[in-house]
Amino acid sequence: IGVQAILIELSSPGGWVAGFIGAVCLALAAYGMGVLSVNWFGALFLIIAFALFILDIKAPTHGALTAAGVGSFIVGALVLFNSPGVPQFQRVSVPLVISVGIIIGVSFAIILGFALRAQKIPVRMGPESLLGALGTARGRIDPTGQVQLQSELWSAELAEGAKSIQPGEKVVVVKVDGLRLKVRRSSDG
């Protein structure tokens, strides 16, 4: 859970809640490992699993590293506390480990899918972000006037072939020319 929270923080930085929760969970896990008898081979498999999860964020493997990480997690968790001489009540439940591994894999795949989809959304900045935007005429536009667009007041000019626009009519931006918008009535298509 701790590493999963840190992975969420790494894939979408800026917040601190996921990173904080992850750090607390990892600190509690480290304390728990000091109290219980640990098979360090299992701990190594867990570290490898989380390294594979992190690599899958950075490398375009389409989930192959996540699948390998889930397998490594399951193996590591199964042998982590199942050393010879460990009492039965301290051993790890196999169905529990497999269930947790599947839950981690599915949740990581969902989170990674959302993160990758968000990266593919084009960022609209600058003048091109205004193209096609709807606004309202603040006065008569014939051939120039003002429009309110996204809570801002802009100088506007009629686009070629557009008819005059009355106050309160909806307009659409067809071109940006410096600080002046070329507009037409939105109902003109």
N, C-alpha and C. Protein backbone atom coordinates (compact mmCIF):
# COMPACT_ATOMS: atom_id res chain seq x y z
N ILE A 1 0.84 -1.19 0.00
CA ILE A 1 0.00 0.00 0.00
C ILE A 1 0.88 1.25 0.00
N GLY A 2 1.96 1.20 0.77
CA GLY A 2 2.85 2.35 0.85
C GLY A 2 3.51 2.68 -0.48
N VAL A 3 4.01 1.65 -1.14
CA VAL A 3 4.66 1.89 -2.42
C VAL A 3 3.63 2.30 -3.46
N GLN A 4 2.44 1.73 -3.40
CA GLN A 4 1.38 2.11 -4.35
C GLN A 4 1.05 3.59 -4.18
N ALA A 5 0.97 4.06 -2.95
CA ALA A 5 0.68 5.48 -2.72
C ALA A 5 1.82 6.36 -3.23
N ILE A 6 3.05 5.93 -3.06
CA ILE A 6 4.18 6.71 -3.57
C ILE A 6 4.18 6.70 -5.10
N LEU A 7 3.79 5.59 -5.71
CA LEU A 7 3.69 5.53 -7.17
C LEU A 7 2.63 6.50 -7.68
N ILE A 8 1.53 6.61 -6.96
CA ILE A 8 0.49 7.58 -7.33
C ILE A 8 1.07 8.99 -7.25
N GLU A 9 1.83 9.26 -6.21
CA GLU A 9 2.46 10.58 -6.06
C GLU A 9 3.44 10.84 -7.21
N LEU A 10 4.21 9.84 -7.61
CA LEU A 10 5.17 10.01 -8.70
C LEU A 10 4.49 10.20 -10.05
N SER A 11 3.37 9.52 -10.27
CA SER A 11 2.70 9.63 -11.57
C SER A 11 1.90 10.91 -11.70
N SER A 12 1.49 11.50 -10.59
CA SER A 12 0.78 12.79 -10.65
C SER A 12 1.28 13.66 -9.50
N PRO A 13 2.47 14.24 -9.66
CA PRO A 13 3.06 15.03 -8.57
C PRO A 13 2.30 16.32 -8.32
N GLY A 14 2.58 16.90 -7.20
CA GLY A 14 1.97 18.18 -6.86
C GLY A 14 1.20 18.13 -5.56
N GLY A 15 0.59 17.00 -5.29
CA GLY A 15 -0.10 16.82 -4.02
C GLY A 15 0.89 16.23 -3.03
N TRP A 16 0.50 16.13 -1.81
CA TRP A 16 1.40 15.54 -0.83
C TRP A 16 0.73 14.44 -0.04
N VAL A 17 -0.56 14.28 -0.18
CA VAL A 17 -1.30 13.31 0.64
C VAL A 17 -0.87 11.89 0.32
N ALA A 18 -0.82 11.54 -0.97
CA ALA A 18 -0.45 10.17 -1.35
C ALA A 18 0.98 9.86 -0.93
N GLY A 19 1.89 10.79 -1.11
CA GLY A 19 3.28 10.58 -0.71
C GLY A 19 3.41 10.42 0.80
N PHE A 20 2.66 11.22 1.54
CA PHE A 20 2.70 11.13 3.00
C PHE A 20 2.17 9.78 3.49
N ILE A 21 1.02 9.38 2.94
CA ILE A 21 0.44 8.08 3.33
C ILE A 21 1.40 6.96 2.98
N GLY A 22 2.01 7.04 1.80
CA GLY A 22 2.97 6.02 1.39
C GLY A 22 4.16 5.94 2.33
N ALA A 23 4.68 7.09 2.73
CA ALA A 23 5.83 7.11 3.63
C ALA A 23 5.47 6.52 5.00
N VAL A 24 4.29 6.85 5.50
CA VAL A 24 3.85 6.29 6.79
C VAL A 24 3.70 4.78 6.69
N CYS A 25 3.08 4.31 5.62
CA CYS A 25 2.89 2.86 5.45
C CYS A 25 4.23 2.14 5.34
N LEU A 26 5.18 2.72 4.62
CA LEU A 26 6.50 2.09 4.50
C LEU A 26 7.24 2.09 5.84
N ALA A 27 7.08 3.16 6.61
CA ALA A 27 7.72 3.20 7.93
C ALA A 27 7.13 2.13 8.85
N LEU A 28 5.81 1.97 8.80
CA LEU A 28 5.18 0.92 9.61
C LEU A 28 5.60 -0.47 9.14
N ALA A 29 5.77 -0.64 7.83
CA ALA A 29 6.22 -1.93 7.30
C ALA A 29 7.64 -2.23 7.77
N ALA A 30 8.50 -1.22 7.77
CA ALA A 30 9.88 -1.42 8.23
C ALA A 30 9.90 -1.79 9.71
N TYR A 31 9.04 -1.16 10.50
CA TYR A 31 8.95 -1.51 11.92
C TYR A 31 8.47 -2.94 12.09
N GLY A 32 7.45 -3.31 11.33
CA GLY A 32 6.91 -4.67 11.42
C GLY A 32 7.94 -5.72 11.02
N MET A 33 8.77 -5.41 10.05
CA MET A 33 9.79 -6.37 9.64
C MET A 33 10.86 -6.54 10.71
N GLY A 34 11.06 -5.51 11.51
CA GLY A 34 12.03 -5.62 12.60
C GLY A 34 11.51 -6.49 13.73
N VAL A 35 10.22 -6.52 13.93
CA VAL A 35 9.61 -7.29 15.01
C VAL A 35 9.46 -8.75 14.61
N LEU A 36 9.08 -9.01 13.37
CA LEU A 36 8.85 -10.38 12.89
C LEU A 36 10.12 -10.93 12.25
N SER A 37 10.24 -12.24 12.20
CA SER A 37 11.40 -12.84 11.53
C SER A 37 11.15 -12.78 10.02
N VAL A 38 12.06 -12.15 9.31
CA VAL A 38 11.88 -11.87 7.90
C VAL A 38 12.85 -12.70 7.07
N ASN A 39 12.35 -13.25 5.97
CA ASN A 39 13.19 -13.89 4.97
C ASN A 39 13.61 -12.79 4.00
N TRP A 40 14.86 -12.41 4.00
CA TRP A 40 15.33 -11.28 3.21
C TRP A 40 15.26 -11.55 1.71
N PHE A 41 15.20 -12.81 1.33
CA PHE A 41 14.99 -13.17 -0.07
C PHE A 41 13.60 -12.68 -0.51
N GLY A 42 12.61 -12.84 0.35
CA GLY A 42 11.27 -12.35 0.06
C GLY A 42 11.23 -10.83 0.00
N ALA A 43 11.96 -10.18 0.92
CA ALA A 43 12.02 -8.71 0.90
C ALA A 43 12.66 -8.21 -0.39
N LEU A 44 13.67 -8.93 -0.88
CA LEU A 44 14.31 -8.57 -2.14
C LEU A 44 13.31 -8.67 -3.30
N PHE A 45 12.49 -9.72 -3.30
CA PHE A 45 11.47 -9.86 -4.34
C PHE A 45 10.46 -8.71 -4.27
N LEU A 46 10.10 -8.28 -3.07
CA LEU A 46 9.18 -7.15 -2.94
C LEU A 46 9.79 -5.86 -3.48
N ILE A 47 11.07 -5.65 -3.18
CA ILE A 47 11.76 -4.45 -3.70
C ILE A 47 11.81 -4.49 -5.22
N ILE A 48 12.11 -5.67 -5.77
CA ILE A 48 12.14 -5.82 -7.23
C ILE A 48 10.75 -5.54 -7.81
N ALA A 49 9.71 -6.03 -7.14
CA ALA A 49 8.34 -5.81 -7.62
C ALA A 49 8.03 -4.32 -7.72
N PHE A 50 8.36 -3.57 -6.69
CA PHE A 50 8.04 -2.15 -6.71
C PHE A 50 8.94 -1.38 -7.69
N ALA A 51 10.18 -1.86 -7.89
CA ALA A 51 11.03 -1.27 -8.92
C ALA A 51 10.42 -1.49 -10.31
N LEU A 52 9.85 -2.67 -10.53
CA LEU A 52 9.19 -2.95 -11.81
C LEU A 52 7.96 -2.05 -12.00
N PHE A 53 7.22 -1.80 -10.92
CA PHE A 53 6.07 -0.90 -11.02
C PHE A 53 6.52 0.50 -11.44
N ILE A 54 7.59 0.98 -10.83
CA ILE A 54 8.11 2.31 -11.15
C ILE A 54 8.61 2.35 -12.59
N LEU A 55 9.31 1.30 -13.02
CA LEU A 55 9.81 1.26 -14.40
C LEU A 55 8.67 1.26 -15.41
N ASP A 56 7.55 0.64 -15.06
CA ASP A 56 6.42 0.60 -15.99
C ASP A 56 5.82 1.99 -16.19
N ILE A 57 5.99 2.88 -15.23
CA ILE A 57 5.54 4.26 -15.40
C ILE A 57 6.43 4.96 -16.43
N LYS A 58 7.72 4.69 -16.38
CA LYS A 58 8.68 5.40 -17.23
C LYS A 58 8.88 4.77 -18.60
N ALA A 59 8.71 3.45 -18.72
CA ALA A 59 8.96 2.75 -19.98
C ALA A 59 7.64 2.32 -20.62
N PRO A 60 7.52 2.46 -21.93
CA PRO A 60 6.27 2.07 -22.60
C PRO A 60 6.19 0.57 -22.84
N THR A 61 5.92 -0.21 -21.80
CA THR A 61 5.88 -1.68 -21.95
C THR A 61 4.46 -2.21 -21.99
N HIS A 62 3.47 -1.32 -21.95
CA HIS A 62 2.05 -1.70 -22.04
C HIS A 62 1.65 -2.71 -20.97
N GLY A 63 2.20 -2.56 -19.78
CA GLY A 63 1.79 -3.39 -18.65
C GLY A 63 2.62 -4.63 -18.42
N ALA A 64 3.60 -4.92 -19.26
CA ALA A 64 4.41 -6.13 -19.07
C ALA A 64 5.20 -6.06 -17.77
N LEU A 65 5.76 -4.91 -17.48
CA LEU A 65 6.52 -4.77 -16.23
C LEU A 65 5.60 -4.81 -15.01
N THR A 66 4.39 -4.33 -15.15
CA THR A 66 3.43 -4.43 -14.05
C THR A 66 3.09 -5.88 -13.78
N ALA A 67 2.88 -6.67 -14.83
CA ALA A 67 2.58 -8.09 -14.65
C ALA A 67 3.76 -8.80 -13.98
N ALA A 68 4.98 -8.47 -14.41
CA ALA A 68 6.17 -9.06 -13.78
C ALA A 68 6.27 -8.60 -12.33
N GLY A 69 5.92 -7.35 -12.07
CA GLY A 69 5.94 -6.83 -10.71
C GLY A 69 4.93 -7.53 -9.81
N VAL A 70 3.75 -7.82 -10.35
CA VAL A 70 2.74 -8.55 -9.56
C VAL A 70 3.24 -9.95 -9.24
N GLY A 71 3.85 -10.62 -10.22
CA GLY A 71 4.41 -11.95 -9.97
C GLY A 71 5.50 -11.91 -8.92
N SER A 72 6.39 -10.92 -9.02
CA SER A 72 7.46 -10.77 -8.05
C SER A 72 6.90 -10.45 -6.67
N PHE A 73 5.84 -9.64 -6.62
CA PHE A 73 5.20 -9.32 -5.35
C PHE A 73 4.63 -10.57 -4.69
N ILE A 74 3.95 -11.39 -5.49
CA ILE A 74 3.33 -12.60 -4.92
C ILE A 74 4.40 -13.55 -4.39
N VAL A 75 5.47 -13.77 -5.17
CA VAL A 75 6.55 -14.65 -4.71
C VAL A 75 7.20 -14.08 -3.45
N GLY A 76 7.50 -12.79 -3.47
CA GLY A 76 8.14 -12.16 -2.32
C GLY A 76 7.27 -12.21 -1.07
N ALA A 77 5.98 -11.95 -1.23
CA ALA A 77 5.09 -11.96 -0.07
C ALA A 77 4.91 -13.37 0.47
N LEU A 78 4.93 -14.37 -0.41
CA LEU A 78 4.75 -15.75 0.06
C LEU A 78 5.94 -16.23 0.88
N VAL A 79 7.14 -15.81 0.53
CA VAL A 79 8.32 -16.29 1.27
C VAL A 79 8.80 -15.31 2.32
N LEU A 80 8.18 -14.14 2.41
CA LEU A 80 8.66 -13.10 3.32
C LEU A 80 8.68 -13.56 4.78
N PHE A 81 7.61 -14.15 5.25
CA PHE A 81 7.54 -14.59 6.65
C PHE A 81 7.42 -16.10 6.77
N ASN A 82 7.65 -16.84 5.70
CA ASN A 82 7.49 -18.29 5.74
C ASN A 82 8.84 -18.99 5.80
N SER A 83 9.73 -18.50 6.63
CA SER A 83 11.04 -19.14 6.82
C SER A 83 10.87 -20.39 7.67
N PRO A 84 11.81 -21.33 7.54
CA PRO A 84 11.75 -22.52 8.41
C PRO A 84 11.83 -22.09 9.88
N GLY A 85 11.04 -22.69 10.70
CA GLY A 85 11.03 -22.39 12.13
C GLY A 85 10.06 -21.30 12.53
N VAL A 86 9.39 -20.67 11.57
CA VAL A 86 8.41 -19.64 11.89
C VAL A 86 7.11 -20.33 12.30
N PRO A 87 6.53 -19.95 13.44
CA PRO A 87 5.28 -20.58 13.87
C PRO A 87 4.17 -20.38 12.84
N GLN A 88 3.23 -21.29 12.80
CA GLN A 88 2.16 -21.27 11.80
C GLN A 88 1.33 -19.98 11.87
N PHE A 89 1.10 -19.45 13.07
CA PHE A 89 0.27 -18.25 13.19
C PHE A 89 0.97 -17.01 12.62
N GLN A 90 2.29 -17.07 12.39
CA GLN A 90 3.00 -15.94 11.80
C GLN A 90 3.19 -16.09 10.29
N ARG A 91 2.76 -17.19 9.72
CA ARG A 91 2.93 -17.42 8.28
C ARG A 91 1.88 -16.62 7.50
N VAL A 92 2.20 -16.36 6.26
CA VAL A 92 1.32 -15.57 5.40
C VAL A 92 0.33 -16.50 4.70
N SER A 93 -0.91 -16.05 4.62
CA SER A 93 -1.97 -16.80 3.95
C SER A 93 -1.79 -16.70 2.43
N VAL A 94 -1.73 -17.84 1.76
CA VAL A 94 -1.54 -17.86 0.30
C VAL A 94 -2.71 -17.18 -0.43
N PRO A 95 -3.97 -17.50 -0.12
CA PRO A 95 -5.06 -16.79 -0.82
C PRO A 95 -5.04 -15.28 -0.60
N LEU A 96 -4.65 -14.86 0.59
CA LEU A 96 -4.57 -13.43 0.87
C LEU A 96 -3.50 -12.77 0.00
N VAL A 97 -2.34 -13.40 -0.10
CA VAL A 97 -1.25 -12.83 -0.90
C VAL A 97 -1.65 -12.74 -2.37
N ILE A 98 -2.26 -13.79 -2.89
CA ILE A 98 -2.67 -13.78 -4.30
C ILE A 98 -3.75 -12.72 -4.53
N SER A 99 -4.69 -12.60 -3.61
CA SER A 99 -5.74 -11.59 -3.73
C SER A 99 -5.16 -10.18 -3.71
N VAL A 100 -4.25 -9.93 -2.78
CA VAL A 100 -3.64 -8.60 -2.69
C VAL A 100 -2.82 -8.32 -3.94
N GLY A 101 -2.10 -9.32 -4.44
CA GLY A 101 -1.33 -9.14 -5.68
C GLY A 101 -2.21 -8.78 -6.85
N ILE A 102 -3.34 -9.44 -6.97
CA ILE A 102 -4.27 -9.14 -8.07
C ILE A 102 -4.86 -7.74 -7.90
N ILE A 103 -5.22 -7.39 -6.68
CA ILE A 103 -5.77 -6.05 -6.42
C ILE A 103 -4.75 -4.97 -6.75
N ILE A 104 -3.50 -5.18 -6.36
CA ILE A 104 -2.44 -4.20 -6.67
C ILE A 104 -2.26 -4.09 -8.18
N GLY A 105 -2.22 -5.22 -8.86
CA GLY A 105 -2.04 -5.20 -10.31
C GLY A 105 -3.17 -4.48 -11.03
N VAL A 106 -4.40 -4.78 -10.65
CA VAL A 106 -5.56 -4.16 -11.29
C VAL A 106 -5.60 -2.66 -10.99
N SER A 107 -5.39 -2.29 -9.72
CA SER A 107 -5.44 -0.87 -9.38
C SER A 107 -4.31 -0.10 -10.05
N PHE A 108 -3.13 -0.70 -10.13
CA PHE A 108 -2.01 -0.02 -10.80
C PHE A 108 -2.30 0.13 -12.29
N ALA A 109 -2.88 -0.90 -12.90
CA ALA A 109 -3.22 -0.81 -14.33
C ALA A 109 -4.25 0.28 -14.58
N ILE A 110 -5.23 0.41 -13.70
CA ILE A 110 -6.25 1.46 -13.86
C ILE A 110 -5.62 2.84 -13.70
N ILE A 111 -4.81 3.02 -12.67
CA ILE A 111 -4.17 4.31 -12.42
C ILE A 111 -3.23 4.66 -13.57
N LEU A 112 -2.45 3.68 -14.02
CA LEU A 112 -1.53 3.92 -15.12
C LEU A 112 -2.28 4.26 -16.40
N GLY A 113 -3.42 3.60 -16.62
CA GLY A 113 -4.24 3.91 -17.79
C GLY A 113 -4.74 5.34 -17.77
N PHE A 114 -5.22 5.79 -16.61
CA PHE A 114 -5.67 7.18 -16.50
C PHE A 114 -4.51 8.15 -16.72
N ALA A 115 -3.34 7.84 -16.15
CA ALA A 115 -2.18 8.72 -16.30
C ALA A 115 -1.74 8.81 -17.76
N LEU A 116 -1.70 7.69 -18.45
CA LEU A 116 -1.30 7.69 -19.86
C LEU A 116 -2.32 8.43 -20.72
N ARG A 117 -3.60 8.25 -20.43
CA ARG A 117 -4.64 8.94 -21.17
C ARG A 117 -4.53 10.46 -20.95
N ALA A 118 -4.21 10.86 -19.73
CA ALA A 118 -4.08 12.30 -19.44
C ALA A 118 -2.88 12.90 -20.16
N GLN A 119 -1.82 12.12 -20.35
CA GLN A 119 -0.65 12.62 -21.06
C GLN A 119 -0.92 12.85 -22.54
N LYS A 120 -1.88 12.13 -23.10
CA LYS A 120 -2.17 12.24 -24.53
C LYS A 120 -3.10 13.40 -24.87
N ILE A 121 -3.71 14.01 -23.86
CA ILE A 121 -4.60 15.14 -24.11
C ILE A 121 -3.75 16.34 -24.50
N PRO A 122 -4.00 16.91 -25.67
CA PRO A 122 -3.19 18.05 -26.09
C PRO A 122 -3.46 19.27 -25.20
N VAL A 123 -2.39 19.95 -24.87
CA VAL A 123 -2.50 21.15 -24.05
C VAL A 123 -2.80 22.31 -24.98
N ARG A 124 -3.90 22.98 -24.71
CA ARG A 124 -4.27 24.13 -25.53
C ARG A 124 -3.86 25.39 -24.80
N MET A 125 -2.89 26.09 -25.39
CA MET A 125 -2.41 27.33 -24.80
C MET A 125 -2.29 28.38 -25.90
N GLY A 126 -2.24 29.60 -25.51
CA GLY A 126 -2.03 30.66 -26.47
C GLY A 126 -3.28 30.97 -27.27
N PRO A 127 -3.09 31.66 -28.38
CA PRO A 127 -4.24 32.10 -29.18
C PRO A 127 -5.10 30.95 -29.70
N GLU A 128 -4.49 29.81 -30.03
CA GLU A 128 -5.28 28.71 -30.58
C GLU A 128 -6.29 28.15 -29.58
N SER A 129 -6.10 28.43 -28.30
CA SER A 129 -7.06 27.95 -27.31
C SER A 129 -8.39 28.71 -27.40
N LEU A 130 -8.37 29.86 -28.06
CA LEU A 130 -9.59 30.66 -28.19
C LEU A 130 -10.41 30.30 -29.42
N LEU A 131 -9.80 29.63 -30.39
CA LEU A 131 -10.51 29.30 -31.63
C LEU A 131 -11.70 28.40 -31.33
N GLY A 132 -12.85 28.79 -31.83
CA GLY A 132 -14.07 28.01 -31.62
C GLY A 132 -14.76 28.30 -30.30
N ALA A 133 -14.17 29.16 -29.47
CA ALA A 133 -14.77 29.47 -28.18
C ALA A 133 -16.01 30.35 -28.37
N LEU A 134 -16.98 30.16 -27.48
CA LEU A 134 -18.21 30.94 -27.53
C LEU A 134 -18.13 32.11 -26.57
N GLY A 135 -18.65 33.26 -27.01
CA GLY A 135 -18.68 34.44 -26.17
C GLY A 135 -19.99 35.19 -26.39
N THR A 136 -20.09 36.36 -25.76
CA THR A 136 -21.30 37.18 -25.85
C THR A 136 -20.91 38.58 -26.29
N ALA A 137 -21.63 39.12 -27.25
CA ALA A 137 -21.37 40.49 -27.70
C ALA A 137 -21.78 41.46 -26.59
N ARG A 138 -20.89 42.40 -26.24
CA ARG A 138 -21.17 43.37 -25.19
C ARG A 138 -21.78 44.64 -25.75
N GLY A 139 -21.66 44.81 -27.01
CA GLY A 139 -22.23 45.95 -27.72
C GLY A 139 -22.39 45.54 -29.17
N ARG A 140 -22.86 46.46 -29.97
CA ARG A 140 -23.02 46.15 -31.40
C ARG A 140 -21.63 45.96 -32.02
N ILE A 141 -21.50 44.92 -32.81
CA ILE A 141 -20.24 44.67 -33.52
C ILE A 141 -20.53 44.88 -35.00
N ASP A 142 -20.06 46.04 -35.51
CA ASP A 142 -20.32 46.38 -36.92
C ASP A 142 -19.34 47.44 -37.37
N PRO A 143 -18.21 47.22 -37.79
CA PRO A 143 -17.47 45.96 -37.91
C PRO A 143 -16.65 45.64 -36.67
N THR A 144 -16.56 46.60 -35.71
CA THR A 144 -15.80 46.30 -34.49
C THR A 144 -16.69 46.47 -33.27
N GLY A 145 -16.22 45.93 -32.16
CA GLY A 145 -16.95 46.02 -30.90
C GLY A 145 -16.22 45.23 -29.83
N GLN A 146 -16.96 44.85 -28.80
CA GLN A 146 -16.36 44.08 -27.71
C GLN A 146 -17.20 42.84 -27.43
N VAL A 147 -16.50 41.76 -27.05
CA VAL A 147 -17.17 40.53 -26.65
C VAL A 147 -16.63 40.09 -25.30
N GLN A 148 -17.49 39.42 -24.55
CA GLN A 148 -17.04 38.81 -23.31
C GLN A 148 -16.83 37.33 -23.58
N LEU A 149 -15.63 36.88 -23.29
CA LEU A 149 -15.23 35.50 -23.58
C LEU A 149 -14.46 34.96 -22.39
N GLN A 150 -14.95 33.90 -21.78
CA GLN A 150 -14.30 33.27 -20.63
C GLN A 150 -14.00 34.30 -19.54
N SER A 151 -14.99 35.10 -19.20
CA SER A 151 -14.91 36.14 -18.16
C SER A 151 -13.93 37.26 -18.49
N GLU A 152 -13.56 37.38 -19.75
CA GLU A 152 -12.65 38.44 -20.17
C GLU A 152 -13.33 39.28 -21.25
N LEU A 153 -12.98 40.56 -21.29
CA LEU A 153 -13.51 41.47 -22.29
C LEU A 153 -12.47 41.62 -23.40
N TRP A 154 -12.86 41.32 -24.64
CA TRP A 154 -11.95 41.35 -25.78
C TRP A 154 -12.45 42.33 -26.83
N SER A 155 -11.51 42.95 -27.55
CA SER A 155 -11.86 43.71 -28.74
C SER A 155 -12.18 42.71 -29.83
N ALA A 156 -13.23 42.98 -30.58
CA ALA A 156 -13.66 42.03 -31.60
C ALA A 156 -13.91 42.75 -32.91
N GLU A 157 -13.82 41.97 -33.96
CA GLU A 157 -14.06 42.46 -35.31
C GLU A 157 -14.82 41.37 -36.06
N LEU A 158 -15.71 41.77 -36.93
CA LEU A 158 -16.48 40.79 -37.69
C LEU A 158 -15.55 40.01 -38.62
N ALA A 159 -15.77 38.72 -38.70
CA ALA A 159 -15.04 37.90 -39.65
C ALA A 159 -15.53 38.21 -41.05
N GLU A 160 -14.75 37.87 -42.06
CA GLU A 160 -15.14 38.13 -43.45
C GLU A 160 -16.48 37.49 -43.75
N GLY A 161 -17.37 38.26 -44.34
CA GLY A 161 -18.68 37.75 -44.73
C GLY A 161 -19.69 37.68 -43.61
N ALA A 162 -19.30 38.04 -42.38
CA ALA A 162 -20.24 37.97 -41.25
C ALA A 162 -21.10 39.22 -41.21
N LYS A 163 -22.34 39.05 -40.79
CA LYS A 163 -23.28 40.17 -40.65
C LYS A 163 -23.12 40.79 -39.27
N SER A 164 -23.59 42.02 -39.12
CA SER A 164 -23.43 42.71 -37.84
C SER A 164 -24.10 41.92 -36.72
N ILE A 165 -23.55 42.10 -35.52
CA ILE A 165 -23.99 41.34 -34.35
C ILE A 165 -24.53 42.33 -33.32
N GLN A 166 -25.69 42.01 -32.75
CA GLN A 166 -26.35 42.88 -31.78
C GLN A 166 -25.86 42.53 -30.36
N PRO A 167 -26.00 43.47 -29.41
CA PRO A 167 -25.60 43.20 -28.02
C PRO A 167 -26.34 41.99 -27.45
N GLY A 168 -25.60 41.15 -26.73
CA GLY A 168 -26.19 39.98 -26.09
C GLY A 168 -26.20 38.73 -26.96
N GLU A 169 -25.92 38.87 -28.25
CA GLU A 169 -25.91 37.70 -29.12
C GLU A 169 -24.66 36.86 -28.86
N LYS A 170 -24.81 35.57 -29.06
CA LYS A 170 -23.68 34.65 -28.89
C LYS A 170 -22.81 34.70 -30.14
N VAL A 171 -21.50 34.73 -29.91
CA VAL A 171 -20.54 34.77 -31.01
C VAL A 171 -19.55 33.62 -30.85
N VAL A 172 -18.92 33.27 -31.95
CA VAL A 172 -17.89 32.24 -31.94
C VAL A 172 -16.62 32.85 -32.55
N VAL A 173 -15.47 32.52 -31.95
CA VAL A 173 -14.19 33.05 -32.42
C VAL A 173 -13.71 32.21 -33.59
N VAL A 174 -13.41 32.87 -34.71
CA VAL A 174 -12.92 32.15 -35.89
C VAL A 174 -11.44 32.41 -36.15
N LYS A 175 -10.90 33.50 -35.58
CA LYS A 175 -9.49 33.82 -35.78
C LYS A 175 -9.04 34.75 -34.67
N VAL A 176 -7.77 34.66 -34.32
CA VAL A 176 -7.19 35.57 -33.34
C VAL A 176 -6.12 36.38 -34.06
N ASP A 177 -6.27 37.70 -34.01
CA ASP A 177 -5.32 38.59 -34.68
C ASP A 177 -4.73 39.52 -33.62
N GLY A 178 -3.63 39.09 -33.02
CA GLY A 178 -3.03 39.85 -31.92
C GLY A 178 -3.95 39.84 -30.71
N LEU A 179 -4.41 41.04 -30.31
CA LEU A 179 -5.34 41.14 -29.19
C LEU A 179 -6.77 41.37 -29.65
N ARG A 180 -7.02 41.14 -30.92
CA ARG A 180 -8.36 41.33 -31.48
C ARG A 180 -8.86 39.98 -31.98
N LEU A 181 -10.13 39.70 -31.66
CA LEU A 181 -10.75 38.46 -32.09
C LEU A 181 -11.60 38.70 -33.32
N LYS A 182 -11.52 37.81 -34.27
CA LYS A 182 -12.42 37.83 -35.43
C LYS A 182 -13.56 36.89 -35.08
N VAL A 183 -14.79 37.42 -35.10
CA VAL A 183 -15.94 36.64 -34.64
C VAL A 183 -17.04 36.64 -35.69
N ARG A 184 -17.95 35.69 -35.52
CA ARG A 184 -19.19 35.65 -36.30
C ARG A 184 -20.29 35.20 -35.35
N ARG A 185 -21.53 35.43 -35.73
CA ARG A 185 -22.67 35.00 -34.92
C ARG A 185 -22.63 33.48 -34.82
N SER A 186 -22.85 32.93 -33.63
CA SER A 186 -22.75 31.47 -33.45
C SER A 186 -23.84 30.74 -34.22
N SER A 187 -24.96 31.37 -34.47
CA SER A 187 -26.04 30.70 -35.20
C SER A 187 -25.79 30.69 -36.71
N ASP A 188 -24.76 31.41 -37.19
CA ASP A 188 -24.46 31.44 -38.62
C ASP A 188 -23.78 30.17 -39.10
N GLY A 189 -23.32 29.30 -38.17
CA GLY A 189 -22.70 28.03 -38.55
C GLY A 189 -21.39 28.27 -39.14
